[in-house]
C-alpha atoms as a PDB file:
ATOM      1  CA  MET A   1     200.468-181.526 104.988  1.00  0.00           C
ATOM      2  CA  ARG A   2     203.092-182.147 108.165  1.00  0.00           C
ATOM      3  CA  VAL A   3     204.046-178.637 109.863  1.00  0.00           C
ATOM      4  CA  LEU A   4     206.957-177.959 112.007  1.00  0.00           C
ATOM      5  CA  ILE A   5     205.590-174.916 114.882  1.00  0.00           C
ATOM      6  CA  THR A   6     208.836-173.896 116.948  1.00  0.00           C
ATOM      7  CA  GLY A   7     207.057-172.432 120.304  1.00  0.00           C
ATOM      8  CA  SER A   8     204.560-174.607 119.747  1.00  0.00           C
ATOM      9  CA  SER A   9     203.177-174.666 123.338  1.00  0.00           C
ATOM     10  CA  GLY A  10     202.860-170.723 123.529  1.00  0.00           C
ATOM     11  CA  GLN A  11     200.150-169.364 123.213  1.00  0.00           C
ATOM     12  CA  ILE A  12     199.701-168.729 119.442  1.00  0.00           C
ATOM     13  CA  GLY A  13     201.336-172.303 119.049  1.00  0.00           C
ATOM     14  CA  THR A  14     198.889-174.065 120.424  1.00  0.00           C
ATOM     15  CA  ASN A  15     195.757-172.343 118.721  1.00  0.00           C
ATOM     16  CA  VAL A  16     197.624-172.918 115.602  1.00  0.00           C
ATOM     17  CA  GLY A  17     198.746-176.139 116.015  1.00  0.00           C
ATOM     18  CA  LEU A  18     194.949-177.668 117.282  1.00  0.00           C
ATOM     19  CA  ALA A  19     193.401-175.916 114.547  1.00  0.00           C
ATOM     20  CA  LEU A  20     195.520-177.504 111.861  1.00  0.00           C
ATOM     21  CA  LEU A  21     195.081-180.774 113.544  1.00  0.00           C
ATOM     22  CA  GLU A  22     191.163-180.121 113.306  1.00  0.00           C
ATOM     23  CA  ARG A  23     191.370-179.661 109.346  1.00  0.00           C
ATOM     24  CA  GLY A  24     193.689-183.509 109.185  1.00  0.00           C
ATOM     25  CA  ASP A  25     197.409-181.548 108.852  1.00  0.00           C
ATOM     26  CA  GLU A  26     200.335-183.262 110.730  1.00  0.00           C
ATOM     27  CA  VAL A  27     201.729-181.034 113.609  1.00  0.00           C
ATOM     28  CA  VAL A  28     205.297-181.397 115.034  1.00  0.00           C
ATOM     29  CA  GLY A  29     206.228-179.031 118.099  1.00  0.00           C
ATOM     30  CA  ILE A  30     209.391-178.159 119.439  1.00  0.00           C
ATOM     31  CA  ASP A  31     209.556-175.911 122.459  1.00  0.00           C
ATOM     32  CA  VAL A  32     211.639-176.080 125.969  1.00  0.00           C
ATOM     33  CA  ARG A  33     208.751-177.348 128.299  1.00  0.00           C
ATOM     34  CA  PRO A  34     205.679-179.080 127.843  1.00  0.00           C
ATOM     35  CA  ASN A  35     202.833-177.848 127.031  1.00  0.00           C
ATOM     36  CA  MET A  36     200.562-177.165 129.924  1.00  0.00           C
ATOM     37  CA  TRP A  37     197.209-176.872 127.985  1.00  0.00           C
ATOM     38  CA  THR A  38     196.819-180.053 125.180  1.00  0.00           C
ATOM     39  CA  ASP A  39     198.328-183.462 125.005  1.00  0.00           C
ATOM     40  CA  ARG A  40     197.553-183.450 121.616  1.00  0.00           C
ATOM     41  CA  ILE A  41     200.712-181.792 119.797  1.00  0.00           C
ATOM     42  CA  ALA A  42     203.357-184.525 119.385  1.00  0.00           C
ATOM     43  CA  THR A  43     206.390-181.962 121.039  1.00  0.00           C
ATOM     44  CA  VAL A  44     210.103-183.080 120.896  1.00  0.00           C
ATOM     45  CA  GLN A  45     211.408-180.669 124.220  1.00  0.00           C
ATOM     46  CA  CYS A  46     214.661-178.809 123.018  1.00  0.00           C
ATOM     47  CA  ASP A  47     216.455-175.769 123.139  1.00  0.00           C
ATOM     48  CA  LEU A  48     216.615-174.129 119.768  1.00  0.00           C
ATOM     49  CA  ARG A  49     220.141-172.933 121.165  1.00  0.00           C
ATOM     50  CA  ASP A  50     221.520-176.062 121.106  1.00  0.00           C
ATOM     51  CA  HIS A  51     220.742-176.990 117.935  1.00  0.00           C
ATOM     52  CA  ARG A  52     222.387-173.885 115.908  1.00  0.00           C
ATOM     53  CA  ASP A  53     224.000-176.438 113.058  1.00  0.00           C
ATOM     54  CA  GLY A  54     220.474-176.864 111.896  1.00  0.00           C
ATOM     55  CA  HIS A  55     220.299-180.367 113.048  1.00  0.00           C
ATOM     56  CA  LEU A  56     216.711-180.797 114.875  1.00  0.00           C
ATOM     57  CA  PRO A  57     215.627-183.792 116.513  1.00  0.00           C
ATOM     58  CA  VAL A  58     212.785-183.917 113.993  1.00  0.00           C
ATOM     59  CA  GLU A  59     212.010-186.869 112.287  1.00  0.00           C
ATOM     60  CA  GLY A  60     210.640-187.522 108.693  1.00  0.00           C
ATOM     61  CA  LYS A  61     209.942-184.434 105.818  1.00  0.00           C
ATOM     62  CA  ILE A  62     208.576-181.600 106.605  1.00  0.00           C
ATOM     63  CA  ASP A  63     207.061-179.498 104.125  1.00  0.00           C
ATOM     64  CA  LEU A  64     206.387-175.726 106.232  1.00  0.00           C
ATOM     65  CA  VAL A  65     208.457-174.349 109.062  1.00  0.00           C
ATOM     66  CA  LEU A  66     206.320-171.903 111.627  1.00  0.00           C
ATOM     67  CA  HIS A  67     208.962-170.377 113.700  1.00  0.00           C
ATOM     68  CA  LEU A  68     207.187-168.632 116.840  1.00  0.00           C
ATOM     69  CA  ALA A  69     209.321-169.745 119.687  1.00  0.00           C
ATOM     70  CA  ALA A  70     210.656-165.936 121.237  1.00  0.00           C
ATOM     71  CA  HIS A  71     211.623-164.388 124.233  1.00  0.00           C
ATOM     72  CA  ALA A  72     208.054-162.064 123.789  1.00  0.00           C
ATOM     73  CA  LYS A  73     207.955-159.886 126.863  1.00  0.00           C
ATOM     74  CA  VAL A  74     209.317-156.399 126.010  1.00  0.00           C
ATOM     75  CA  PHE A  75     210.158-155.117 129.453  1.00  0.00           C
ATOM     76  CA  GLU A  76     211.892-158.763 130.453  1.00  0.00           C
ATOM     77  CA  LEU A  77     214.187-158.519 128.078  1.00  0.00           C
ATOM     78  CA  VAL A  78     215.176-154.573 128.724  1.00  0.00           C
ATOM     79  CA  GLU A  79     216.211-155.803 132.421  1.00  0.00           C
ATOM     80  CA  GLU A  80     217.825-159.293 131.101  1.00  0.00           C
ATOM     81  CA  PRO A  81     219.134-158.516 127.389  1.00  0.00           C
ATOM     82  CA  CYS A  82     220.700-161.340 127.028  1.00  0.00           C
ATOM     83  CA  ARG A  83     217.158-163.293 126.471  1.00  0.00           C
ATOM     84  CA  ALA A  84     217.163-160.775 123.223  1.00  0.00           C
ATOM     85  CA  MET A  85     219.938-163.006 121.758  1.00  0.00           C
ATOM     86  CA  HIS A  86     218.560-166.052 122.672  1.00  0.00           C
ATOM     87  CA  ASN A  87     216.033-165.223 119.724  1.00  0.00           C
ATOM     88  CA  VAL A  88     218.038-164.458 117.622  1.00  0.00           C
ATOM     89  CA  ASP A  89     220.399-168.033 118.433  1.00  0.00           C
ATOM     90  CA  THR A  90     216.801-169.795 118.428  1.00  0.00           C
ATOM     91  CA  LEU A  91     215.662-167.702 115.122  1.00  0.00           C
ATOM     92  CA  PHE A  92     219.104-168.967 113.424  1.00  0.00           C
ATOM     93  CA  ALA A  93     218.544-172.694 113.932  1.00  0.00           C
ATOM     94  CA  ALA A  94     215.383-172.899 112.584  1.00  0.00           C
ATOM     95  CA  LEU A  95     216.192-171.158 109.764  1.00  0.00           C
ATOM     96  CA  GLU A  96     219.141-173.240 109.225  1.00  0.00           C
ATOM     97  CA  PHE A  97     217.300-176.510 109.571  1.00  0.00           C
ATOM     98  CA  ALA A  98     214.500-175.103 106.796  1.00  0.00           C
ATOM     99  CA  ARG A  99     217.385-174.465 104.774  1.00  0.00           C
ATOM    100  CA  LEU A 100     219.189-177.668 104.569  1.00  0.00           C
ATOM    101  CA  SER A 101     216.021-179.714 104.331  1.00  0.00           C
ATOM    102  CA  GLY A 102     215.657-177.774 101.300  1.00  0.00           C
ATOM    103  CA  ASN A 103     214.378-174.628 101.480  1.00  0.00           C
ATOM    104  CA  VAL A 104     211.148-175.720 103.274  1.00  0.00           C
ATOM    105  CA  PRO A 105     208.849-172.709 103.482  1.00  0.00           C
ATOM    106  CA  PHE A 106     209.083-170.678 106.324  1.00  0.00           C
ATOM    107  CA  ILE A 107     207.356-168.250 108.607  1.00  0.00           C
ATOM    108  CA  PHE A 108     208.290-166.275 111.299  1.00  0.00           C
ATOM    109  CA  GLY A 109     206.464-164.497 113.797  1.00  0.00           C
ATOM    110  CA  SER A 110     207.544-161.319 113.871  1.00  0.00           C
ATOM    111  CA  SER A 111     206.288-158.150 115.917  1.00  0.00           C
ATOM    112  CA  ARG A 112     204.800-154.348 115.161  1.00  0.00           C
ATOM    113  CA  GLU A 113     207.911-153.892 117.551  1.00  0.00           C
ATOM    114  CA  VAL A 114     210.571-154.042 114.389  1.00  0.00           C
ATOM    115  CA  TYR A 115     208.448-150.040 113.949  1.00  0.00           C
ATOM    116  CA  GLY A 116     209.692-148.670 116.723  1.00  0.00           C
ATOM    117  CA  ASP A 117     207.634-145.896 118.179  1.00  0.00           C
ATOM    118  CA  ILE A 118     205.082-144.456 115.708  1.00  0.00           C
ATOM    119  CA  HIS A 119     203.040-141.234 116.366  1.00  0.00           C
ATOM    120  CA  GLN A 120     200.048-141.881 113.433  1.00  0.00           C
ATOM    121  CA  HIS A 121     197.392-143.368 113.162  1.00  0.00           C
ATOM    122  CA  VAL A 122     197.878-146.130 110.565  1.00  0.00           C
ATOM    123  CA  THR A 123     201.660-148.289 109.711  1.00  0.00           C
ATOM    124  CA  ASP A 124     202.060-150.248 106.789  1.00  0.00           C
ATOM    125  CA  GLU A 125     204.659-152.737 106.094  1.00  0.00           C
ATOM    126  CA  ALA A 126     207.004-150.673 104.274  1.00  0.00           C
ATOM    127  CA  GLN A 127     208.021-147.813 107.116  1.00  0.00           C
ATOM    128  CA  ALA A 128     209.745-150.084 109.526  1.00  0.00           C
ATOM    129  CA  ASP A 129     213.145-148.373 110.530  1.00  0.00           C
ATOM    130  CA  PHE A 130     215.838-151.476 110.633  1.00  0.00           C
ATOM    131  CA  VAL A 131     217.932-148.167 111.849  1.00  0.00           C
ATOM    132  CA  VAL A 132     217.099-147.333 114.894  1.00  0.00           C
ATOM    133  CA  ALA A 133     215.371-150.057 117.680  1.00  0.00           C
ATOM    134  CA  GLU A 134     213.767-149.235 120.844  1.00  0.00           C
ATOM    135  CA  SER A 135     214.424-152.248 122.611  1.00  0.00           C
ATOM    136  CA  PRO A 136     216.186-155.369 123.009  1.00  0.00           C
ATOM    137  CA  TYR A 137     213.716-157.402 122.095  1.00  0.00           C
ATOM    138  CA  SER A 138     212.870-154.954 119.019  1.00  0.00           C
ATOM    139  CA  ALA A 139     215.757-155.802 118.196  1.00  0.00           C
ATOM    140  CA  SER A 140     215.998-159.488 118.103  1.00  0.00           C
ATOM    141  CA  LYS A 141     212.898-159.321 115.481  1.00  0.00           C
ATOM    142  CA  ILE A 142     214.405-156.445 113.083  1.00  0.00           C
ATOM    143  CA  ALA A 143     217.977-159.448 112.935  1.00  0.00           C
ATOM    144  CA  GLY A 144     215.592-162.145 113.050  1.00  0.00           C
ATOM    145  CA  GLU A 145     213.440-159.969 109.521  1.00  0.00           C
ATOM    146  CA  ALA A 146     217.136-159.596 108.577  1.00  0.00           C
ATOM    147  CA  PHE A 147     218.055-162.730 108.574  1.00  0.00           C
ATOM    148  CA  ILE A 148     215.293-164.165 106.382  1.00  0.00           C
ATOM    149  CA  TYR A 149     215.566-161.998 103.591  1.00  0.00           C
ATOM    150  CA  SER A 150     219.316-162.656 103.007  1.00  0.00           C
ATOM    151  CA  TYR A 151     218.227-166.437 103.075  1.00  0.00           C
ATOM    152  CA  ALA A 152     216.307-165.598 100.876  1.00  0.00           C
ATOM    153  CA  GLN A 153     218.467-163.532  98.956  1.00  0.00           C
ATOM    154  CA  CYS A 154     221.473-165.795  98.967  1.00  0.00           C
ATOM    155  CA  TYR A 155     219.994-169.326  99.091  1.00  0.00           C
ATOM    156  CA  GLY A 156     215.948-168.418  98.062  1.00  0.00           C
ATOM    157  CA  LEU A 157     214.294-169.572 100.706  1.00  0.00           C
ATOM    158  CA  PRO A 158     210.563-168.802 100.386  1.00  0.00           C
ATOM    159  CA  HIS A 159     209.049-167.534 103.132  1.00  0.00           C
ATOM    160  CA  LEU A 160     206.301-164.988 105.154  1.00  0.00           C
ATOM    161  CA  VAL A 161     207.140-163.148 108.138  1.00  0.00           C
ATOM    162  CA  PHE A 162     204.495-162.268 110.302  1.00  0.00           C
ATOM    163  CA  ARG A 163     204.303-158.646 112.426  1.00  0.00           C
ATOM    164  CA  PHE A 164     201.808-159.524 115.507  1.00  0.00           C
ATOM    165  CA  SER A 165     200.173-156.784 117.078  1.00  0.00           C
ATOM    166  CA  ASN A 166     199.524-157.984 121.487  1.00  0.00           C
ATOM    167  CA  VAL A 167     197.827-161.098 120.096  1.00  0.00           C
ATOM    168  CA  TYR A 168     195.672-162.042 123.232  1.00  0.00           C
ATOM    169  CA  GLY A 169     192.596-164.682 124.892  1.00  0.00           C
ATOM    170  CA  ARG A 170     192.694-168.264 124.937  1.00  0.00           C
ATOM    171  CA  TYR A 171     196.114-170.035 126.384  1.00  0.00           C
ATOM    172  CA  ASP A 172     197.763-166.473 127.177  1.00  0.00           C
ATOM    173  CA  CYS A 173     197.370-166.839 131.053  1.00  0.00           C
ATOM    174  CA  ASP A 174     200.447-169.415 131.973  1.00  0.00           C
ATOM    175  CA  ILE A 175     200.901-167.083 135.158  1.00  0.00           C
ATOM    176  CA  ALA A 176     204.418-169.763 135.534  1.00  0.00           C
ATOM    177  CA  ARG A 177     206.053-169.037 132.323  1.00  0.00           C
ATOM    178  CA  MET A 178     205.340-164.672 131.386  1.00  0.00           C
ATOM    179  CA  GLU A 179     201.793-163.075 132.775  1.00  0.00           C
ATOM    180  CA  ARG A 180     200.810-161.250 129.810  1.00  0.00           C
ATOM    181  CA  VAL A 181     199.290-157.857 130.404  1.00  0.00           C
ATOM    182  CA  ILE A 182     195.545-158.569 129.410  1.00  0.00           C
ATOM    183  CA  PRO A 183     195.313-162.082 131.769  1.00  0.00           C
ATOM    184  CA  LEU A 184     196.989-159.676 134.082  1.00  0.00           C
ATOM    185  CA  PHE A 185     194.573-157.573 134.770  1.00  0.00           C
ATOM    186  CA  ILE A 186     192.115-159.416 134.189  1.00  0.00           C
ATOM    187  CA  ARG A 187     193.202-161.678 137.149  1.00  0.00           C
ATOM    188  CA  ARG A 188     193.955-158.816 139.325  1.00  0.00           C
ATOM    189  CA  ILE A 189     190.791-156.627 139.079  1.00  0.00           C
ATOM    190  CA  ALA A 190     188.651-159.486 139.245  1.00  0.00           C
ATOM    191  CA  GLU A 191     190.688-160.760 142.764  1.00  0.00           C
ATOM    192  CA  GLY A 192     190.102-156.874 143.559  1.00  0.00           C
ATOM    193  CA  GLU A 193     193.960-156.325 143.337  1.00  0.00           C
ATOM    194  CA  PRO A 194     195.796-152.375 142.350  1.00  0.00           C
ATOM    195  CA  ILE A 195     197.222-152.881 138.679  1.00  0.00           C
ATOM    196  CA  VAL A 196     199.690-150.489 137.414  1.00  0.00           C
ATOM    197  CA  VAL A 197     198.775-149.144 134.085  1.00  0.00           C
ATOM    198  CA  PHE A 198     202.738-148.043 132.262  1.00  0.00           C
ATOM    199  CA  GLY A 199     201.306-145.700 130.125  1.00  0.00           C
ATOM    200  CA  ARG A 200     198.181-144.020 130.293  1.00  0.00           C
ATOM    201  CA  GLU A 201     198.243-142.423 126.910  1.00  0.00           C
ATOM    202  CA  LYS A 202     199.321-145.645 124.129  1.00  0.00           C
ATOM    203  CA  VAL A 203     197.342-146.554 121.660  1.00  0.00           C
ATOM    204  CA  LEU A 204     197.805-150.103 120.974  1.00  0.00           C
ATOM    205  CA  ASP A 205     196.199-152.613 118.322  1.00  0.00           C
ATOM    206  CA  PHE A 206     194.949-155.458 120.007  1.00  0.00           C
ATOM    207  CA  THR A 207     194.906-158.989 118.001  1.00  0.00           C
ATOM    208  CA  TYR A 208     191.714-161.347 119.357  1.00  0.00           C
ATOM    209  CA  VAL A 209     193.865-164.817 119.211  1.00  0.00           C
ATOM    210  CA  ASP A 210     191.286-166.714 116.542  1.00  0.00           C
ATOM    211  CA  ASP A 211     191.386-163.933 114.336  1.00  0.00           C
ATOM    212  CA  CYS A 212     196.064-163.830 114.617  1.00  0.00           C
ATOM    213  CA  ALA A 213     195.585-168.326 114.120  1.00  0.00           C
ATOM    214  CA  ARG A 214     192.934-167.646 110.892  1.00  0.00           C
ATOM    215  CA  GLY A 215     195.293-165.360 109.392  1.00  0.00           C
ATOM    216  CA  VAL A 216     198.547-167.285 110.143  1.00  0.00           C
ATOM    217  CA  LEU A 217     196.719-170.948 108.464  1.00  0.00           C
ATOM    218  CA  ALA A 218     195.981-168.812 105.616  1.00  0.00           C
ATOM    219  CA  GLY A 219     199.719-167.276 105.388  1.00  0.00           C
ATOM    220  CA  ILE A 220     200.262-171.071 105.557  1.00  0.00           C
ATOM    221  CA  ASP A 221     198.450-172.757 102.581  1.00  0.00           C
ATOM    222  CA  ALA A 222     199.189-169.545 100.485  1.00  0.00           C
ATOM    223  CA  LEU A 223     202.761-170.211 101.281  1.00  0.00           C
ATOM    224  CA  HIS A 224     202.368-174.067 100.714  1.00  0.00           C
ATOM    225  CA  LYS A 225     201.149-173.469  97.816  1.00  0.00           C
ATOM    226  CA  GLY A 226     203.036-171.106  96.060  1.00  0.00           C
ATOM    227  CA  ARG A 227     200.825-168.312  95.604  1.00  0.00           C
ATOM    228  CA  ILE A 228     203.220-166.103  97.970  1.00  0.00           C
ATOM    229  CA  THR A 229     206.640-166.637  98.472  1.00  0.00           C
ATOM    230  CA  ARG A 230     208.192-163.593  99.817  1.00  0.00           C
ATOM    231  CA  GLU A 231     205.991-161.190 101.782  1.00  0.00           C
ATOM    232  CA  THR A 232     206.005-159.383 104.752  1.00  0.00           C
ATOM    233  CA  ILE A 233     202.284-158.709 105.878  1.00  0.00           C
ATOM    234  CA  ASN A 234     200.742-156.974 109.405  1.00  0.00           C
ATOM    235  CA  LEU A 235     198.422-159.646 111.141  1.00  0.00           C
ATOM    236  CA  ALA A 236     196.566-157.611 113.780  1.00  0.00           C
ATOM    237  CA  CYS A 237     193.146-156.014 114.380  1.00  0.00           C
ATOM    238  CA  GLY A 238     193.291-152.461 112.604  1.00  0.00           C
ATOM    239  CA  GLN A 239     192.183-150.673 115.447  1.00  0.00           C
ATOM    240  CA  GLY A 240     193.742-148.642 118.229  1.00  0.00           C
ATOM    241  CA  SER A 241     192.454-148.785 121.902  1.00  0.00           C
ATOM    242  CA  THR A 242     194.063-146.878 125.254  1.00  0.00           C
ATOM    243  CA  LEU A 243     195.484-149.112 127.772  1.00  0.00           C
ATOM    244  CA  VAL A 244     192.335-146.576 130.231  1.00  0.00           C
ATOM    245  CA  ASP A 245     189.919-148.657 127.395  1.00  0.00           C
ATOM    246  CA  LEU A 246     191.183-151.910 128.041  1.00  0.00           C
ATOM    247  CA  VAL A 247     191.233-151.470 131.773  1.00  0.00           C
ATOM    248  CA  ASN A 248     187.182-150.029 131.648  1.00  0.00           C
ATOM    249  CA  LEU A 249     186.034-153.272 129.136  1.00  0.00           C
ATOM    250  CA  ILE A 250     187.834-155.736 131.657  1.00  0.00           C
ATOM    251  CA  GLY A 251     185.967-154.067 134.759  1.00  0.00           C
ATOM    252  CA  LEU A 252     182.521-153.993 133.081  1.00  0.00           C
ATOM    253  CA  SER A 253     183.013-157.637 131.693  1.00  0.00           C
ATOM    254  CA  LEU A 254     183.566-158.813 135.543  1.00  0.00           C
ATOM    255  CA  GLN A 255     181.430-156.264 137.017  1.00  0.00           C
ATOM    256  CA  LYS A 256     184.147-155.058 139.285  1.00  0.00           C
ATOM    257  CA  GLU A 257     185.215-151.224 139.947  1.00  0.00           C
ATOM    258  CA  PRO A 258     189.491-151.173 138.742  1.00  0.00           C
ATOM    259  CA  ASN A 259     191.656-149.891 141.348  1.00  0.00           C
ATOM    260  CA  VAL A 260     194.445-148.416 139.314  1.00  0.00           C
ATOM    261  CA  ARG A 261     196.998-146.437 139.024  1.00  0.00           C
ATOM    262  CA  TYR A 262     198.868-144.852 135.867  1.00  0.00           C
ATOM    263  CA  GLU A 263     202.596-144.131 136.003  1.00  0.00           C
ATOM    264  CA  PRO A 264     204.820-143.312 132.718  1.00  0.00           C
ATOM    265  CA  SER A 265     205.691-146.180 129.795  1.00  0.00           C
ATOM    266  CA  ARG A 266     208.844-147.574 130.879  1.00  0.00           C
ATOM    267  CA  ALA A 267     212.349-148.070 128.899  1.00  0.00           C
ATOM    268  CA  GLY A 268     211.367-149.692 124.766  1.00  0.00           C
ATOM    269  CA  GLU A 269     207.662-149.971 125.301  1.00  0.00           C
ATOM    270  CA  VAL A 270     206.076-148.801 122.357  1.00  0.00           C
ATOM    271  CA  THR A 271     203.979-145.712 122.914  1.00  0.00           C
ATOM    272  CA  ARG A 272     201.411-145.927 119.753  1.00  0.00           C
ATOM    273  CA  TYR A 273     200.764-148.734 117.152  1.00  0.00           C
ATOM    274  CA  VAL A 274     197.733-149.430 114.727  1.00  0.00           C
ATOM    275  CA  ALA A 275     198.148-151.663 111.872  1.00  0.00           C
ATOM    276  CA  ASP A 276     197.730-151.174 108.740  1.00  0.00           C
ATOM    277  CA  ILE A 277     196.378-154.676 107.590  1.00  0.00           C
ATOM    278  CA  ALA A 278     195.083-153.852 103.493  1.00  0.00           C
ATOM    279  CA  LYS A 279     197.977-156.302 102.507  1.00  0.00           C
ATOM    280  CA  ALA A 280     196.427-159.294 104.969  1.00  0.00           C
ATOM    281  CA  ARG A 281     193.099-158.639 103.613  1.00  0.00           C
ATOM    282  CA  GLU A 282     194.327-158.859  99.800  1.00  0.00           C
ATOM    283  CA  LEU A 283     196.896-161.217  99.840  1.00  0.00           C
ATOM    284  CA  LEU A 284     194.997-163.723 102.842  1.00  0.00           C
ATOM    285  CA  ARG A 285     191.511-162.014 102.537  1.00  0.00           C
ATOM    286  CA  TYR A 286     191.926-161.772 106.437  1.00  0.00           C
ATOM    287  CA  GLU A 287     189.439-159.902 107.929  1.00  0.00           C
ATOM    288  CA  PRO A 288     189.498-160.079 111.484  1.00  0.00           C
ATOM    289  CA  GLN A 289     185.972-161.076 113.562  1.00  0.00           C
ATOM    290  CA  THR A 290     186.451-159.802 116.777  1.00  0.00           C
ATOM    291  CA  PRO A 291     187.271-156.556 118.299  1.00  0.00           C
ATOM    292  CA  LEU A 292     188.768-155.670 121.877  1.00  0.00           C
ATOM    293  CA  THR A 293     185.158-154.695 123.000  1.00  0.00           C
ATOM    294  CA  ALA A 294     183.865-157.996 122.137  1.00  0.00           C
ATOM    295  CA  GLY A 295     187.296-160.057 122.769  1.00  0.00           C
ATOM    296  CA  VAL A 296     188.002-158.659 126.373  1.00  0.00           C
ATOM    297  CA  PRO A 297     184.646-160.649 127.706  1.00  0.00           C
ATOM    298  CA  LEU A 298     185.719-164.119 125.811  1.00  0.00           C
ATOM    299  CA  SER A 299     188.462-163.488 127.618  1.00  0.00           C
ATOM    300  CA  VAL A 300     187.187-163.200 130.626  1.00  0.00           C
ATOM    301  CA  LYS A 301     184.760-166.008 130.016  1.00  0.00           C
ATOM    302  CA  TRP A 302     187.487-168.154 128.947  1.00  0.00           C
ATOM    303  CA  GLN A 303     189.546-167.889 131.844  1.00  0.00           C
ATOM    304  CA  LEU A 304     186.387-168.291 134.387  1.00  0.00           C
ATOM    305  CA  ALA A 305     185.470-171.772 132.311  1.00  0.00           C
ATOM    306  CA  THR A 306     188.636-173.148 132.875  1.00  0.00           C
ATOM    307  CA  GLY A 307     189.036-172.224 136.454  1.00  0.00           C
ATOM    308  CA  HIS A 308     192.420-169.941 135.969  1.00  0.00           C
ATOM    309  CA  LEU A 309     190.097-167.681 137.269  1.00  0.00           C
ATOM    310  CA  LYS A 310     187.744-167.019 140.587  1.00  0.00           C
ATOM    311  CA  VAL A 311     185.189-164.722 141.042  1.00  0.00           C
END
């Protein structure tokens, strides 16, 4: 199988791309930047916004498109909402490529942000509210899903939408591009710097990247073989943890006392989400293996081993 991955230099793209290569598949990557983690993924460096006509600089037949390219920091898109439109433009370019290439099966990396602020313990795929968007980032993912469903309706595009939730772990500490909350807290606590937690009472579903990658691989196979054709699936751990839990686990893993200050949640941020992953279990035989209590020490260990963290 020959898979095109947009956003191939990002965390999920790198992990999935390397996993595909390991099992013998061919991977073509597209990203605006080179991959700082590996040179094994052949990457075309370009901006998808320059190719909204669907004519991407990719040679040869593609069997499946995995679209992951996006600006993903919620509050940064509150501050710079034009970047949310960039997400829509890049999605449209990839969708047009899939349509013009003969309705190539298409997987979209969406987000639990489409659900908005959920004040209950479990959310299933049918509960997303496409009328109310909590943030420009959320709106960009809602728009992306809407485009995909319209392409399925009008052109018969086979697709799978994954709604990810707080993916963390290996290849997530690219400070120059975007520092996510877990590697940010790990680095600052390790260096004895203060941290600010926005939303002491937040309950979120943190997904270790190996679990995420296994789920995506299962989805790639199911869509490519036609076992599924039009599905939207939550891909997460299925367990909720507070940011206080997260900070304490990082402190324990580093054997350091966090210097933490708590502030209210910022505009656009979801304060409660725990995924219902029953559909992923049923359709993809997905079973997460790494709860936050195990994933945080693995993340700390990886950052130490690769020199991205000094203690």
